[in-house]
Amino acid sequence: MTKRGGQKNNQNARKHGFYSRALTEAEQVELDEASCVEG
């Protein structure tokens, strides 16, 4: 069985995908900070 998808902490979708055009810079910063939270 092979692994699918990006590696852990892959942020390609946020940088290049749909959300890169939909979020303000402040929202982007908050999302970046939230993605580092575990649990």
PDB file of N, CA and C in Angstrom:
ATOM      1  N   MET A   1       0.853  -1.178   0.000  1.00  0.00           N
ATOM      2  CA  MET A   1       0.000   0.000   0.000  1.00  0.00           C
ATOM      3  C   MET A   1       0.899   1.243   0.000  1.00  0.00           C
ATOM      4  N   THR A   2       0.583   2.198  -0.824  1.00  0.00           N
ATOM      5  CA  THR A   2       1.382   3.421  -0.888  1.00  0.00           C
ATOM      6  C   THR A   2       0.669   4.560  -0.192  1.00  0.00           C
ATOM      7  N   LYS A   3       1.456   5.492   0.271  1.00  0.00           N
ATOM      8  CA  LYS A   3       0.894   6.676   0.921  1.00  0.00           C
ATOM      9  C   LYS A   3       0.357   7.616  -0.144  1.00  0.00           C
ATOM     10  N   ARG A   4      -0.720   8.306   0.168  1.00  0.00           N
ATOM     11  CA  ARG A   4      -1.313   9.251  -0.772  1.00  0.00           C
ATOM     12  C   ARG A   4      -1.271  10.645  -0.184  1.00  0.00           C
ATOM     13  N   GLY A   5      -1.295  11.635  -1.040  1.00  0.00           N
ATOM     14  CA  GLY A   5      -1.342  13.017  -0.588  1.00  0.00           C
ATOM     15  C   GLY A   5       0.028  13.571  -0.271  1.00  0.00           C
ATOM     16  N   GLY A   6       0.036  14.801   0.196  1.00  0.00           N
ATOM     17  CA  GLY A   6       1.283  15.487   0.513  1.00  0.00           C
ATOM     18  C   GLY A   6       1.863  15.037   1.835  1.00  0.00           C
ATOM     19  N   GLN A   7       3.093  15.406   2.037  1.00  0.00           N
ATOM     20  CA  GLN A   7       3.758  15.091   3.289  1.00  0.00           C
ATOM     21  C   GLN A   7       3.145  15.910   4.418  1.00  0.00           C
ATOM     22  N   LYS A   8       3.418  15.498   5.644  1.00  0.00           N
ATOM     23  CA  LYS A   8       2.914  16.212   6.811  1.00  0.00           C
ATOM     24  C   LYS A   8       3.347  17.675   6.727  1.00  0.00           C
ATOM     25  N   ASN A   9       2.464  18.577   7.064  1.00  0.00           N
ATOM     26  CA  ASN A   9       2.684  20.029   7.041  1.00  0.00           C
ATOM     27  C   ASN A   9       2.795  20.606   5.635  1.00  0.00           C
ATOM     28  N   ASN A  10       2.376  19.861   4.618  1.00  0.00           N
ATOM     29  CA  ASN A  10       2.390  20.365   3.251  1.00  0.00           C
ATOM     30  C   ASN A  10       1.373  21.499   3.136  1.00  0.00           C
ATOM     31  N   GLN A  11       1.816  22.649   2.648  1.00  0.00           N
ATOM     32  CA  GLN A  11       0.951  23.821   2.579  1.00  0.00           C
ATOM     33  C   GLN A  11       0.695  24.270   1.141  1.00  0.00           C
ATOM     34  N   ASN A  12       0.885  23.381   0.185  1.00  0.00           N
ATOM     35  CA  ASN A  12       0.705  23.745  -1.214  1.00  0.00           C
ATOM     36  C   ASN A  12      -0.694  24.259  -1.513  1.00  0.00           C
ATOM     37  N   ALA A  13      -1.715  23.641  -0.948  1.00  0.00           N
ATOM     38  CA  ALA A  13      -3.086  24.058  -1.225  1.00  0.00           C
ATOM     39  C   ALA A  13      -3.332  25.484  -0.764  1.00  0.00           C
ATOM     40  N   ARG A  14      -2.770  25.844   0.368  1.00  0.00           N
ATOM     41  CA  ARG A  14      -2.971  27.197   0.879  1.00  0.00           C
ATOM     42  C   ARG A  14      -2.205  28.225   0.068  1.00  0.00           C
ATOM     43  N   LYS A  15      -1.024  27.867  -0.398  1.00  0.00           N
ATOM     44  CA  LYS A  15      -0.187  28.824  -1.116  1.00  0.00           C
ATOM     45  C   LYS A  15      -0.611  28.980  -2.572  1.00  0.00           C
ATOM     46  N   HIS A  16      -1.098  27.895  -3.175  1.00  0.00           N
ATOM     47  CA  HIS A  16      -1.341  27.917  -4.609  1.00  0.00           C
ATOM     48  C   HIS A  16      -2.774  27.603  -5.014  1.00  0.00           C
ATOM     49  N   GLY A  17      -3.576  27.172  -4.099  1.00  0.00           N
ATOM     50  CA  GLY A  17      -4.917  26.716  -4.443  1.00  0.00           C
ATOM     51  C   GLY A  17      -6.001  27.736  -4.183  1.00  0.00           C
ATOM     52  N   PHE A  18      -7.187  27.225  -3.975  1.00  0.00           N
ATOM     53  CA  PHE A  18      -8.380  28.040  -3.793  1.00  0.00           C
ATOM     54  C   PHE A  18      -8.219  29.059  -2.678  1.00  0.00           C
ATOM     55  N   TYR A  19      -7.701  28.638  -1.535  1.00  0.00           N
ATOM     56  CA  TYR A  19      -7.640  29.521  -0.374  1.00  0.00           C
ATOM     57  C   TYR A  19      -6.627  30.648  -0.529  1.00  0.00           C
ATOM     58  N   SER A  20      -5.673  30.502  -1.424  1.00  0.00           N
ATOM     59  CA  SER A  20      -4.693  31.572  -1.605  1.00  0.00           C
ATOM     60  C   SER A  20      -5.363  32.845  -2.113  1.00  0.00           C
ATOM     61  N   ARG A  21      -6.493  32.712  -2.803  1.00  0.00           N
ATOM     62  CA  ARG A  21      -7.201  33.883  -3.327  1.00  0.00           C
ATOM     63  C   ARG A  21      -8.365  34.306  -2.445  1.00  0.00           C
ATOM     64  N   ALA A  22      -8.783  33.437  -1.535  1.00  0.00           N
ATOM     65  CA  ALA A  22      -9.990  33.692  -0.758  1.00  0.00           C
ATOM     66  C   ALA A  22      -9.728  34.339   0.599  1.00  0.00           C
ATOM     67  N   LEU A  23      -8.517  34.219   1.128  1.00  0.00           N
ATOM     68  CA  LEU A  23      -8.233  34.720   2.468  1.00  0.00           C
ATOM     69  C   LEU A  23      -7.482  36.044   2.424  1.00  0.00           C
ATOM     70  N   THR A  24      -7.787  36.892   3.398  1.00  0.00           N
ATOM     71  CA  THR A  24      -6.999  38.114   3.555  1.00  0.00           C
ATOM     72  C   THR A  24      -5.660  37.727   4.176  1.00  0.00           C
ATOM     73  N   GLU A  25      -4.717  38.643   4.178  1.00  0.00           N
ATOM     74  CA  GLU A  25      -3.407  38.337   4.756  1.00  0.00           C
ATOM     75  C   GLU A  25      -3.527  37.998   6.241  1.00  0.00           C
ATOM     76  N   ALA A  26      -4.387  38.729   6.970  1.00  0.00           N
ATOM     77  CA  ALA A  26      -4.583  38.464   8.396  1.00  0.00           C
ATOM     78  C   ALA A  26      -5.172  37.068   8.613  1.00  0.00           C
ATOM     79  N   GLU A  27      -6.135  36.690   7.789  1.00  0.00           N
ATOM     80  CA  GLU A  27      -6.723  35.360   7.899  1.00  0.00           C
ATOM     81  C   GLU A  27      -5.693  34.283   7.572  1.00  0.00           C
ATOM     82  N   GLN A  28      -4.846  34.570   6.599  1.00  0.00           N
ATOM     83  CA  GLN A  28      -3.796  33.628   6.220  1.00  0.00           C
ATOM     84  C   GLN A  28      -2.839  33.391   7.386  1.00  0.00           C
ATOM     85  N   VAL A  29      -2.469  34.478   8.080  1.00  0.00           N
ATOM     86  CA  VAL A  29      -1.575  34.363   9.238  1.00  0.00           C
ATOM     87  C   VAL A  29      -2.230  33.514  10.322  1.00  0.00           C
ATOM     88  N   GLU A  30      -3.508  33.764  10.590  1.00  0.00           N
ATOM     89  CA  GLU A  30      -4.222  32.985  11.603  1.00  0.00           C
ATOM     90  C   GLU A  30      -4.290  31.510  11.221  1.00  0.00           C
ATOM     91  N   LEU A  31      -4.527  31.238   9.958  1.00  0.00           N
ATOM     92  CA  LEU A  31      -4.590  29.858   9.495  1.00  0.00           C
ATOM     93  C   LEU A  31      -3.228  29.185   9.625  1.00  0.00           C
ATOM     94  N   ASP A  32      -2.166  29.899   9.297  1.00  0.00           N
ATOM     95  CA  ASP A  32      -0.811  29.360   9.452  1.00  0.00           C
ATOM     96  C   ASP A  32      -0.529  29.014  10.910  1.00  0.00           C
ATOM     97  N   GLU A  33      -0.910  29.907  11.813  1.00  0.00           N
ATOM     98  CA  GLU A  33      -0.691  29.670  13.240  1.00  0.00           C
ATOM     99  C   GLU A  33      -1.523  28.485  13.727  1.00  0.00           C
ATOM    100  N   ALA A  34      -2.759  28.403  13.272  1.00  0.00           N
ATOM    101  CA  ALA A  34      -3.641  27.320  13.706  1.00  0.00           C
ATOM    102  C   ALA A  34      -3.166  25.968  13.181  1.00  0.00           C
ATOM    103  N   SER A  35      -2.525  25.948  12.031  1.00  0.00           N
ATOM    104  CA  SER A  35      -2.076  24.676  11.470  1.00  0.00           C
ATOM    105  C   SER A  35      -0.930  24.070  12.268  1.00  0.00           C
ATOM    106  N   CYS A  36      -0.283  24.856  13.102  1.00  0.00           N
ATOM    107  CA  CYS A  36       0.826  24.359  13.926  1.00  0.00           C
ATOM    108  C   CYS A  36       0.347  23.767  15.246  1.00  0.00           C
ATOM    109  N   VAL A  37      -0.921  23.965  15.585  1.00  0.00           N
ATOM    110  CA  VAL A  37      -1.467  23.477  16.850  1.00  0.00           C
ATOM    111  C   VAL A  37      -1.767  21.986  16.723  1.00  0.00           C
ATOM    112  N   GLU A  38      -1.336  21.221  17.711  1.00  0.00           N
ATOM    113  CA  GLU A  38      -1.615  19.789  17.718  1.00  0.00           C
ATOM    114  C   GLU A  38      -2.707  19.492  18.731  1.00  0.00           C
ATOM    115  N   GLY A  39      -3.527  18.502  18.379  1.00  0.00           N
ATOM    116  CA  GLY A  39      -4.538  18.095  19.345  1.00  0.00           C
ATOM    117  C   GLY A  39      -5.927  18.178  18.845  1.00  0.00           C
TER     118      GLY A  39
END
